[in-house]
Amino acid sequence: MSDDKTTPLESKEFQILKALKLVLTDVVKDTATQPGLKHPLSDRTIEGIRQCLKLISAREREIVEDAGKTMDMRPHYVDEPKKSVVVPITSISRNKKDPEKK
């Protein structure tokens, strides 16, 4: 099947999905018409492209999630505030007066 050294995001399947997505979106861009003009693609073809893109995106999401990653592909800047806070373990202490713990 596939090489064990390849991560799911580098797999042939993921590369094929990316290529298909790119080609389909390029077709949509290349055939875009001005408002009011008839689109050169039939409604059936347009709906078929939409369905293909939905299926591709769903499979990409499955592959990424199976790899333990997220689909958050936004850039992160150095000066951007972090969303998580690291609490040093030395600052954690047991509070004997805590009413929930006995």
PDB file of N, CA and C in Angstrom:
ATOM      1  N   MET A   1       0.832  -1.193   0.000  1.00  0.00           N
ATOM      2  CA  MET A   1       0.000   0.000   0.000  1.00  0.00           C
ATOM      3  C   MET A   1       0.869   1.245   0.000  1.00  0.00           C
ATOM      4  N   SER A   2       0.872   2.012   1.103  1.00  0.00           N
ATOM      5  CA  SER A   2       1.662   3.226   1.134  1.00  0.00           C
ATOM      6  C   SER A   2       2.889   3.036   2.017  1.00  0.00           C
ATOM      7  N   ASP A   3       3.833   3.903   1.843  1.00  0.00           N
ATOM      8  CA  ASP A   3       5.076   3.844   2.611  1.00  0.00           C
ATOM      9  C   ASP A   3       4.793   4.266   4.050  1.00  0.00           C
ATOM     10  N   ASP A   4       5.315   3.526   5.023  1.00  0.00           N
ATOM     11  CA  ASP A   4       5.074   3.822   6.438  1.00  0.00           C
ATOM     12  C   ASP A   4       5.689   5.151   6.843  1.00  0.00           C
ATOM     13  N   LYS A   5       6.711   5.608   6.115  1.00  0.00           N
ATOM     14  CA  LYS A   5       7.384   6.853   6.462  1.00  0.00           C
ATOM     15  C   LYS A   5       6.580   8.075   6.016  1.00  0.00           C
ATOM     16  N   THR A   6       5.573   7.884   5.194  1.00  0.00           N
ATOM     17  CA  THR A   6       4.777   8.988   4.685  1.00  0.00           C
ATOM     18  C   THR A   6       3.671   9.337   5.669  1.00  0.00           C
ATOM     19  N   THR A   7       3.548  10.611   5.981  1.00  0.00           N
ATOM     20  CA  THR A   7       2.454  11.037   6.843  1.00  0.00           C
ATOM     21  C   THR A   7       1.179  11.101   6.009  1.00  0.00           C
ATOM     22  N   PRO A   8       0.015  11.023   6.649  1.00  0.00           N
ATOM     23  CA  PRO A   8      -1.238  11.077   5.888  1.00  0.00           C
ATOM     24  C   PRO A   8      -1.367  12.336   5.029  1.00  0.00           C
ATOM     25  N   LEU A   9      -0.781  13.445   5.492  1.00  0.00           N
ATOM     26  CA  LEU A   9      -0.875  14.682   4.724  1.00  0.00           C
ATOM     27  C   LEU A   9       0.043  14.675   3.513  1.00  0.00           C
ATOM     28  N   GLU A  10       0.983  13.736   3.460  1.00  0.00           N
ATOM     29  CA  GLU A  10       1.881  13.608   2.312  1.00  0.00           C
ATOM     30  C   GLU A  10       1.487  12.434   1.427  1.00  0.00           C
ATOM     31  N   SER A  11       0.409  11.760   1.755  1.00  0.00           N
ATOM     32  CA  SER A  11       0.005  10.557   1.029  1.00  0.00           C
ATOM     33  C   SER A  11      -0.453  10.906  -0.383  1.00  0.00           C
ATOM     34  N   LYS A  12      -0.441   9.917  -1.250  1.00  0.00           N
ATOM     35  CA  LYS A  12      -0.908  10.102  -2.630  1.00  0.00           C
ATOM     36  C   LYS A  12      -2.360  10.536  -2.646  1.00  0.00           C
ATOM     37  N   GLU A  13      -3.167   9.931  -1.779  1.00  0.00           N
ATOM     38  CA  GLU A  13      -4.584  10.285  -1.743  1.00  0.00           C
ATOM     39  C   GLU A  13      -4.771  11.761  -1.441  1.00  0.00           C
ATOM     40  N   PHE A  14      -4.046  12.271  -0.448  1.00  0.00           N
ATOM     41  CA  PHE A  14      -4.183  13.679  -0.087  1.00  0.00           C
ATOM     42  C   PHE A  14      -3.694  14.574  -1.226  1.00  0.00           C
ATOM     43  N   GLN A  15      -2.607  14.175  -1.891  1.00  0.00           N
ATOM     44  CA  GLN A  15      -2.089  14.941  -3.025  1.00  0.00           C
ATOM     45  C   GLN A  15      -3.083  14.956  -4.182  1.00  0.00           C
ATOM     46  N   ILE A  16      -3.732  13.818  -4.427  1.00  0.00           N
ATOM     47  CA  ILE A  16      -4.740  13.744  -5.491  1.00  0.00           C
ATOM     48  C   ILE A  16      -5.915  14.651  -5.159  1.00  0.00           C
ATOM     49  N   LEU A  17      -6.368  14.615  -3.915  1.00  0.00           N
ATOM     50  CA  LEU A  17      -7.490  15.463  -3.500  1.00  0.00           C
ATOM     51  C   LEU A  17      -7.156  16.937  -3.670  1.00  0.00           C
ATOM     52  N   LYS A  18      -5.937  17.317  -3.286  1.00  0.00           N
ATOM     53  CA  LYS A  18      -5.525  18.721  -3.439  1.00  0.00           C
ATOM     54  C   LYS A  18      -5.503  19.123  -4.908  1.00  0.00           C
ATOM     55  N   ALA A  19      -4.980  18.227  -5.768  1.00  0.00           N
ATOM     56  CA  ALA A  19      -4.908  18.526  -7.201  1.00  0.00           C
ATOM     57  C   ALA A  19      -6.307  18.654  -7.808  1.00  0.00           C
ATOM     58  N   LEU A  20      -7.204  17.727  -7.451  1.00  0.00           N
ATOM     59  CA  LEU A  20      -8.574  17.794  -7.955  1.00  0.00           C
ATOM     60  C   LEU A  20      -9.266  19.078  -7.512  1.00  0.00           C
ATOM     61  N   LYS A  21      -9.085  19.431  -6.255  1.00  0.00           N
ATOM     62  CA  LYS A  21      -9.696  20.649  -5.727  1.00  0.00           C
ATOM     63  C   LYS A  21      -9.179  21.873  -6.479  1.00  0.00           C
ATOM     64  N   LEU A  22      -7.875  21.911  -6.726  1.00  0.00           N
ATOM     65  CA  LEU A  22      -7.268  23.020  -7.448  1.00  0.00           C
ATOM     66  C   LEU A  22      -7.806  23.117  -8.867  1.00  0.00           C
ATOM     67  N   VAL A  23      -7.894  21.991  -9.567  1.00  0.00           N
ATOM     68  CA  VAL A  23      -8.385  21.990 -10.950  1.00  0.00           C
ATOM     69  C   VAL A  23      -9.849  22.413 -11.002  1.00  0.00           C
ATOM     70  N   LEU A  24     -10.668  21.872 -10.108  1.00  0.00           N
ATOM     71  CA  LEU A  24     -12.091  22.225 -10.119  1.00  0.00           C
ATOM     72  C   LEU A  24     -12.309  23.712  -9.818  1.00  0.00           C
ATOM     73  N   THR A  25     -11.570  24.241  -8.846  1.00  0.00           N
ATOM     74  CA  THR A  25     -11.733  25.672  -8.548  1.00  0.00           C
ATOM     75  C   THR A  25     -11.194  26.535  -9.689  1.00  0.00           C
ATOM     76  N   ASP A  26     -10.150  26.063 -10.381  1.00  0.00           N
ATOM     77  CA  ASP A  26      -9.655  26.800 -11.551  1.00  0.00           C
ATOM     78  C   ASP A  26     -10.683  26.802 -12.680  1.00  0.00           C
ATOM     79  N   VAL A  27     -11.375  25.688 -12.878  1.00  0.00           N
ATOM     80  CA  VAL A  27     -12.431  25.622 -13.894  1.00  0.00           C
ATOM     81  C   VAL A  27     -13.520  26.641 -13.565  1.00  0.00           C
ATOM     82  N   VAL A  28     -13.899  26.703 -12.303  1.00  0.00           N
ATOM     83  CA  VAL A  28     -14.932  27.651 -11.884  1.00  0.00           C
ATOM     84  C   VAL A  28     -14.466  29.086 -12.136  1.00  0.00           C
ATOM     85  N   LYS A  29     -13.215  29.379 -11.766  1.00  0.00           N
ATOM     86  CA  LYS A  29     -12.686  30.739 -11.981  1.00  0.00           C
ATOM     87  C   LYS A  29     -12.592  31.073 -13.460  1.00  0.00           C
ATOM     88  N   ASP A  30     -12.101  30.124 -14.261  1.00  0.00           N
ATOM     89  CA  ASP A  30     -11.898  30.376 -15.685  1.00  0.00           C
ATOM     90  C   ASP A  30     -13.199  30.538 -16.459  1.00  0.00           C
ATOM     91  N   THR A  31     -14.277  29.959 -15.966  1.00  0.00           N
ATOM     92  CA  THR A  31     -15.553  30.046 -16.676  1.00  0.00           C
ATOM     93  C   THR A  31     -16.497  31.070 -16.055  1.00  0.00           C
ATOM     94  N   ALA A  32     -16.015  31.827 -15.087  1.00  0.00           N
ATOM     95  CA  ALA A  32     -16.861  32.834 -14.442  1.00  0.00           C
ATOM     96  C   ALA A  32     -17.283  33.888 -15.468  1.00  0.00           C
ATOM     97  N   THR A  33     -18.535  34.293 -15.393  1.00  0.00           N
ATOM     98  CA  THR A  33     -19.066  35.284 -16.327  1.00  0.00           C
ATOM     99  C   THR A  33     -19.521  36.519 -15.574  1.00  0.00           C
ATOM    100  N   GLN A  34     -19.719  37.581 -16.310  1.00  0.00           N
ATOM    101  CA  GLN A  34     -20.227  38.823 -15.730  1.00  0.00           C
ATOM    102  C   GLN A  34     -21.683  38.617 -15.311  1.00  0.00           C
ATOM    103  N   PRO A  35     -22.132  39.338 -14.285  1.00  0.00           N
ATOM    104  CA  PRO A  35     -23.530  39.217 -13.861  1.00  0.00           C
ATOM    105  C   PRO A  35     -24.475  39.515 -15.026  1.00  0.00           C
ATOM    106  N   GLY A  36     -25.503  38.706 -15.141  1.00  0.00           N
ATOM    107  CA  GLY A  36     -26.498  38.892 -16.196  1.00  0.00           C
ATOM    108  C   GLY A  36     -26.245  38.035 -17.427  1.00  0.00           C
ATOM    109  N   LEU A  37     -25.033  37.531 -17.606  1.00  0.00           N
ATOM    110  CA  LEU A  37     -24.721  36.687 -18.754  1.00  0.00           C
ATOM    111  C   LEU A  37     -24.941  35.219 -18.395  1.00  0.00           C
ATOM    112  N   LYS A  38     -25.241  34.418 -19.415  1.00  0.00           N
ATOM    113  CA  LYS A  38     -25.461  32.992 -19.189  1.00  0.00           C
ATOM    114  C   LYS A  38     -24.120  32.303 -18.974  1.00  0.00           C
ATOM    115  N   HIS A  39     -24.079  31.467 -17.943  1.00  0.00           N
ATOM    116  CA  HIS A  39     -22.846  30.741 -17.623  1.00  0.00           C
ATOM    117  C   HIS A  39     -22.628  29.647 -18.661  1.00  0.00           C
ATOM    118  N   PRO A  40     -21.390  29.450 -19.116  1.00  0.00           N
ATOM    119  CA  PRO A  40     -21.129  28.433 -20.142  1.00  0.00           C
ATOM    120  C   PRO A  40     -21.322  26.991 -19.643  1.00  0.00           C
ATOM    121  N   LEU A  41     -21.253  26.774 -18.340  1.00  0.00           N
ATOM    122  CA  LEU A  41     -21.465  25.438 -17.796  1.00  0.00           C
ATOM    123  C   LEU A  41     -22.945  25.250 -17.480  1.00  0.00           C
ATOM    124  N   SER A  42     -23.443  24.037 -17.675  1.00  0.00           N
ATOM    125  CA  SER A  42     -24.852  23.766 -17.374  1.00  0.00           C
ATOM    126  C   SER A  42     -25.054  23.748 -15.856  1.00  0.00           C
ATOM    127  N   ASP A  43     -26.297  23.916 -15.447  1.00  0.00           N
ATOM    128  CA  ASP A  43     -26.616  23.880 -14.013  1.00  0.00           C
ATOM    129  C   ASP A  43     -26.240  22.530 -13.411  1.00  0.00           C
ATOM    130  N   ARG A  44     -26.424  21.464 -14.184  1.00  0.00           N
ATOM    131  CA  ARG A  44     -26.075  20.123 -13.716  1.00  0.00           C
ATOM    132  C   ARG A  44     -24.566  20.015 -13.482  1.00  0.00           C
ATOM    133  N   THR A  45     -23.779  20.576 -14.388  1.00  0.00           N
ATOM    134  CA  THR A  45     -22.323  20.537 -14.242  1.00  0.00           C
ATOM    135  C   THR A  45     -21.876  21.354 -13.043  1.00  0.00           C
ATOM    136  N   ILE A  46     -22.468  22.514 -12.855  1.00  0.00           N
ATOM    137  CA  ILE A  46     -22.131  23.378 -11.715  1.00  0.00           C
ATOM    138  C   ILE A  46     -22.452  22.661 -10.410  1.00  0.00           C
ATOM    139  N   GLU A  47     -23.611  22.025 -10.353  1.00  0.00           N
ATOM    140  CA  GLU A  47     -23.995  21.278  -9.144  1.00  0.00           C
ATOM    141  C   GLU A  47     -23.054  20.094  -8.930  1.00  0.00           C
ATOM    142  N   GLY A  48     -22.639  19.439  -9.996  1.00  0.00           N
ATOM    143  CA  GLY A  48     -21.692  18.336  -9.896  1.00  0.00           C
ATOM    144  C   GLY A  48     -20.352  18.791  -9.336  1.00  0.00           C
ATOM    145  N   ILE A  49     -19.876  19.958  -9.770  1.00  0.00           N
ATOM    146  CA  ILE A  49     -18.622  20.518  -9.253  1.00  0.00           C
ATOM    147  C   ILE A  49     -18.767  20.812  -7.765  1.00  0.00           C
ATOM    148  N   ARG A  50     -19.902  21.384  -7.384  1.00  0.00           N
ATOM    149  CA  ARG A  50     -20.147  21.674  -5.956  1.00  0.00           C
ATOM    150  C   ARG A  50     -20.101  20.398  -5.127  1.00  0.00           C
ATOM    151  N   GLN A  51     -20.764  19.356  -5.612  1.00  0.00           N
ATOM    152  CA  GLN A  51     -20.789  18.089  -4.880  1.00  0.00           C
ATOM    153  C   GLN A  51     -19.389  17.485  -4.778  1.00  0.00           C
ATOM    154  N   CYS A  52     -18.629  17.556  -5.869  1.00  0.00           N
ATOM    155  CA  CYS A  52     -17.252  17.041  -5.841  1.00  0.00           C
ATOM    156  C   CYS A  52     -16.407  17.796  -4.822  1.00  0.00           C
ATOM    157  N   LEU A  53     -16.514  19.116  -4.797  1.00  0.00           N
ATOM    158  CA  LEU A  53     -15.740  19.916  -3.847  1.00  0.00           C
ATOM    159  C   LEU A  53     -16.137  19.609  -2.405  1.00  0.00           C
ATOM    160  N   LYS A  54     -17.432  19.370  -2.170  1.00  0.00           N
ATOM    161  CA  LYS A  54     -17.880  18.993  -0.823  1.00  0.00           C
ATOM    162  C   LYS A  54     -17.280  17.655  -0.409  1.00  0.00           C
ATOM    163  N   LEU A  55     -17.306  16.683  -1.322  1.00  0.00           N
ATOM    164  CA  LEU A  55     -16.751  15.361  -1.017  1.00  0.00           C
ATOM    165  C   LEU A  55     -15.244  15.429  -0.786  1.00  0.00           C
ATOM    166  N   ILE A  56     -14.559  16.216  -1.602  1.00  0.00           N
ATOM    167  CA  ILE A  56     -13.114  16.368  -1.450  1.00  0.00           C
ATOM    168  C   ILE A  56     -12.795  16.985  -0.095  1.00  0.00           C
ATOM    169  N   SER A  57     -13.518  18.040   0.267  1.00  0.00           N
ATOM    170  CA  SER A  57     -13.281  18.704   1.549  1.00  0.00           C
ATOM    171  C   SER A  57     -13.568  17.776   2.721  1.00  0.00           C
ATOM    172  N   ALA A  58     -14.632  16.993   2.612  1.00  0.00           N
ATOM    173  CA  ALA A  58     -14.975  16.060   3.694  1.00  0.00           C
ATOM    174  C   ALA A  58     -13.879  15.008   3.860  1.00  0.00           C
ATOM    175  N   ARG A  59     -13.363  14.480   2.756  1.00  0.00           N
ATOM    176  CA  ARG A  59     -12.308  13.464   2.842  1.00  0.00           C
ATOM    177  C   ARG A  59     -11.014  14.071   3.356  1.00  0.00           C
ATOM    178  N   GLU A  60     -10.690  15.299   2.926  1.00  0.00           N
ATOM    179  CA  GLU A  60      -9.496  15.973   3.446  1.00  0.00           C
ATOM    180  C   GLU A  60      -9.596  16.142   4.953  1.00  0.00           C
ATOM    181  N   ARG A  61     -10.770  16.536   5.425  1.00  0.00           N
ATOM    182  CA  ARG A  61     -10.995  16.713   6.865  1.00  0.00           C
ATOM    183  C   ARG A  61     -10.801  15.388   7.602  1.00  0.00           C
ATOM    184  N   GLU A  62     -11.338  14.299   7.053  1.00  0.00           N
ATOM    185  CA  GLU A  62     -11.163  12.982   7.671  1.00  0.00           C
ATOM    186  C   GLU A  62      -9.690  12.596   7.765  1.00  0.00           C
ATOM    187  N   ILE A  63      -8.944  12.821   6.687  1.00  0.00           N
ATOM    188  CA  ILE A  63      -7.524  12.473   6.674  1.00  0.00           C
ATOM    189  C   ILE A  63      -6.766  13.274   7.715  1.00  0.00           C
ATOM    190  N   VAL A  64      -7.052  14.575   7.775  1.00  0.00           N
ATOM    191  CA  VAL A  64      -6.365  15.447   8.732  1.00  0.00           C
ATOM    192  C   VAL A  64      -6.710  15.048  10.163  1.00  0.00           C
ATOM    193  N   GLU A  65      -7.978  14.783  10.437  1.00  0.00           N
ATOM    194  CA  GLU A  65      -8.388  14.394  11.788  1.00  0.00           C
ATOM    195  C   GLU A  65      -7.804  13.033  12.178  1.00  0.00           C
ATOM    196  N   ASP A  66      -7.746  12.100  11.237  1.00  0.00           N
ATOM    197  CA  ASP A  66      -7.142  10.795  11.513  1.00  0.00           C
ATOM    198  C   ASP A  66      -5.657  10.926  11.830  1.00  0.00           C
ATOM    199  N   ALA A  67      -5.029  11.971  11.288  1.00  0.00           N
ATOM    200  CA  ALA A  67      -3.613  12.215  11.557  1.00  0.00           C
ATOM    201  C   ALA A  67      -3.418  12.953  12.882  1.00  0.00           C
ATOM    202  N   GLY A  68      -4.530  13.313  13.550  1.00  0.00           N
ATOM    203  CA  GLY A  68      -4.439  14.008  14.833  1.00  0.00           C
ATOM    204  C   GLY A  68      -4.158  15.491  14.690  1.00  0.00           C
ATOM    205  N   LYS A  69      -4.467  16.037  13.545  1.00  0.00           N
ATOM    206  CA  LYS A  69      -4.226  17.461  13.305  1.00  0.00           C
ATOM    207  C   LYS A  69      -5.557  18.180  13.168  1.00  0.00           C
ATOM    208  N   THR A  70      -5.495  19.507  13.010  1.00  0.00           N
ATOM    209  CA  THR A  70      -6.701  20.291  12.812  1.00  0.00           C
ATOM    210  C   THR A  70      -6.660  20.946  11.441  1.00  0.00           C
ATOM    211  N   MET A  71      -7.801  21.404  10.982  1.00  0.00           N
ATOM    212  CA  MET A  71      -7.894  22.065   9.681  1.00  0.00           C
ATOM    213  C   MET A  71      -7.570  23.559   9.784  1.00  0.00           C
ATOM    214  N   ASP A  72      -7.136  24.006  10.940  1.00  0.00           N
ATOM    215  CA  ASP A  72      -6.814  25.422  11.141  1.00  0.00           C
ATOM    216  C   ASP A  72      -5.511  25.737  10.409  1.00  0.00           C
ATOM    217  N   MET A  73      -5.632  26.255   9.206  1.00  0.00           N
ATOM    218  CA  MET A  73      -4.457  26.523   8.391  1.00  0.00           C
ATOM    219  C   MET A  73      -4.179  28.022   8.266  1.00  0.00           C
ATOM    220  N   ARG A  74      -4.634  28.769   9.226  1.00  0.00           N
ATOM    221  CA  ARG A  74      -4.379  30.214   9.197  1.00  0.00           C
ATOM    222  C   ARG A  74      -2.952  30.490   9.647  1.00  0.00           C
ATOM    223  N   PRO A  75      -2.367  31.560   9.122  1.00  0.00           N
ATOM    224  CA  PRO A  75      -0.996  31.878   9.533  1.00  0.00           C
ATOM    225  C   PRO A  75      -0.966  32.364  10.979  1.00  0.00           C
ATOM    226  N   HIS A  76       0.115  32.054  11.661  1.00  0.00           N
ATOM    227  CA  HIS A  76       0.314  32.511  13.031  1.00  0.00           C
ATOM    228  C   HIS A  76       1.519  33.439  13.033  1.00  0.00           C
ATOM    229  N   TYR A  77       1.330  34.630  13.580  1.00  0.00           N
ATOM    230  CA  TYR A  77       2.383  35.625  13.591  1.00  0.00           C
ATOM    231  C   TYR A  77       3.110  35.618  14.931  1.00  0.00           C
ATOM    232  N   VAL A  78       4.352  36.041  14.912  1.00  0.00           N
ATOM    233  CA  VAL A  78       5.185  36.022  16.105  1.00  0.00           C
ATOM    234  C   VAL A  78       4.588  36.890  17.207  1.00  0.00           C
ATOM    235  N   ASP A  79       4.069  38.060  16.843  1.00  0.00           N
ATOM    236  CA  ASP A  79       3.542  38.982  17.849  1.00  0.00           C
ATOM    237  C   ASP A  79       2.066  38.727  18.180  1.00  0.00           C
ATOM    238  N   GLU A  80       1.491  37.682  17.618  1.00  0.00           N
ATOM    239  CA  GLU A  80       0.093  37.346  17.881  1.00  0.00           C
ATOM    240  C   GLU A  80      -0.038  36.771  19.291  1.00  0.00           C
ATOM    241  N   PRO A  81      -1.016  37.265  20.083  1.00  0.00           N
ATOM    242  CA  PRO A  81      -1.183  36.726  21.437  1.00  0.00           C
ATOM    243  C   PRO A  81      -1.547  35.244  21.385  1.00  0.00           C
ATOM    244  N   LYS A  82      -0.996  34.488  22.310  1.00  0.00           N
ATOM    245  CA  LYS A  82      -1.259  33.056  22.369  1.00  0.00           C
ATOM    246  C   LYS A  82      -2.635  32.812  22.965  1.00  0.00           C
ATOM    247  N   LYS A  83      -3.280  31.752  22.482  1.00  0.00           N
ATOM    248  CA  LYS A  83      -4.621  31.422  22.959  1.00  0.00           C
ATOM    249  C   LYS A  83      -4.590  30.562  24.207  1.00  0.00           C
ATOM    250  N   SER A  84      -3.470  29.931  24.482  1.00  0.00           N
ATOM    251  CA  SER A  84      -3.373  29.083  25.660  1.00  0.00           C
ATOM    252  C   SER A  84      -2.414  29.701  26.667  1.00  0.00           C
ATOM    253  N   VAL A  85      -2.636  29.365  27.923  1.00  0.00           N
ATOM    254  CA  VAL A  85      -1.798  29.885  28.991  1.00  0.00           C
ATOM    255  C   VAL A  85      -1.119  28.714  29.678  1.00  0.00           C
ATOM    256  N   VAL A  86       0.176  28.800  29.848  1.00  0.00           N
ATOM    257  CA  VAL A  86       0.926  27.751  30.535  1.00  0.00           C
ATOM    258  C   VAL A  86       1.003  28.113  32.006  1.00  0.00           C
ATOM    259  N   VAL A  87       0.547  27.204  32.851  1.00  0.00           N
ATOM    260  CA  VAL A  87       0.587  27.417  34.299  1.00  0.00           C
ATOM    261  C   VAL A  87       1.701  26.538  34.852  1.00  0.00           C
ATOM    262  N   PRO A  88       2.701  27.156  35.468  1.00  0.00           N
ATOM    263  CA  PRO A  88       3.788  26.346  36.026  1.00  0.00           C
ATOM    264  C   PRO A  88       3.263  25.435  37.131  1.00  0.00           C
ATOM    265  N   ILE A  89       3.752  24.239  37.176  1.00  0.00           N
ATOM    266  CA  ILE A  89       3.277  23.269  38.158  1.00  0.00           C
ATOM    267  C   ILE A  89       3.634  23.699  39.582  1.00  0.00           C
ATOM    268  N   THR A  90       4.656  24.520  39.737  1.00  0.00           N
ATOM    269  CA  THR A  90       5.040  24.988  41.070  1.00  0.00           C
ATOM    270  C   THR A  90       4.000  25.934  41.665  1.00  0.00           C
ATOM    271  N   SER A  91       3.183  26.552  40.804  1.00  0.00           N
ATOM    272  CA  SER A  91       2.172  27.473  41.324  1.00  0.00           C
ATOM    273  C   SER A  91       0.886  26.751  41.731  1.00  0.00           C
ATOM    274  N   ILE A  92       0.823  25.449  41.469  1.00  0.00           N
ATOM    275  CA  ILE A  92      -0.347  24.672  41.846  1.00  0.00           C
ATOM    276  C   ILE A  92      -0.106  24.081  43.235  1.00  0.00           C
ATOM    277  N   SER A  93      -1.024  24.370  44.123  1.00  0.00           N
ATOM    278  CA  SER A  93      -0.889  23.811  45.473  1.00  0.00           C
ATOM    279  C   SER A  93      -2.255  23.339  45.945  1.00  0.00           C
ATOM    280  N   ARG A  94      -2.231  22.479  46.924  1.00  0.00           N
ATOM    281  CA  ARG A  94      -3.484  21.982  47.471  1.00  0.00           C
ATOM    282  C   ARG A  94      -4.016  22.983  48.478  1.00  0.00           C
ATOM    283  N   ASN A  95      -5.255  23.279  48.331  1.00  0.00           N
ATOM    284  CA  ASN A  95      -5.917  24.196  49.253  1.00  0.00           C
ATOM    285  C   ASN A  95      -6.736  23.352  50.209  1.00  0.00           C
ATOM    286  N   LYS A  96      -6.312  23.280  51.454  1.00  0.00           N
ATOM    287  CA  LYS A  96      -6.991  22.423  52.426  1.00  0.00           C
ATOM    288  C   LYS A  96      -8.343  22.984  52.830  1.00  0.00           C
ATOM    289  N   LYS A  97      -8.594  24.248  52.537  1.00  0.00           N
ATOM    290  CA  LYS A  97      -9.866  24.865  52.902  1.00  0.00           C
ATOM    291  C   LYS A  97     -10.899  24.757  51.780  1.00  0.00           C
ATOM    292  N   ASP A  98     -10.579  24.041  50.704  1.00  0.00           N
ATOM    293  CA  ASP A  98     -11.465  23.885  49.581  1.00  0.00           C
ATOM    294  C   ASP A  98     -12.672  23.053  50.014  1.00  0.00           C
ATOM    295  N   PRO A  99     -13.913  23.589  49.992  1.00  0.00           N
ATOM    296  CA  PRO A  99     -15.085  22.856  50.470  1.00  0.00           C
ATOM    297  C   PRO A  99     -15.449  21.647  49.601  1.00  0.00           C
ATOM    298  N   GLU A 100     -15.040  21.636  48.319  1.00  0.00           N
ATOM    299  CA  GLU A 100     -15.376  20.514  47.448  1.00  0.00           C
ATOM    300  C   GLU A 100     -14.528  19.296  47.743  1.00  0.00           C
ATOM    301  N   LYS A 101     -13.308  19.473  48.232  1.00  0.00           N
ATOM    302  CA  LYS A 101     -12.412  18.357  48.532  1.00  0.00           C
ATOM    303  C   LYS A 101     -12.387  18.151  50.043  1.00  0.00           C
ATOM    304  N   LYS A 102     -12.479  16.932  50.449  1.00  0.00           N
ATOM    305  CA  LYS A 102     -12.432  16.634  51.888  1.00  0.00           C
ATOM    306  C   LYS A 102     -11.401  15.602  52.199  1.00  0.00           C
TER     307      LYS A 102
END
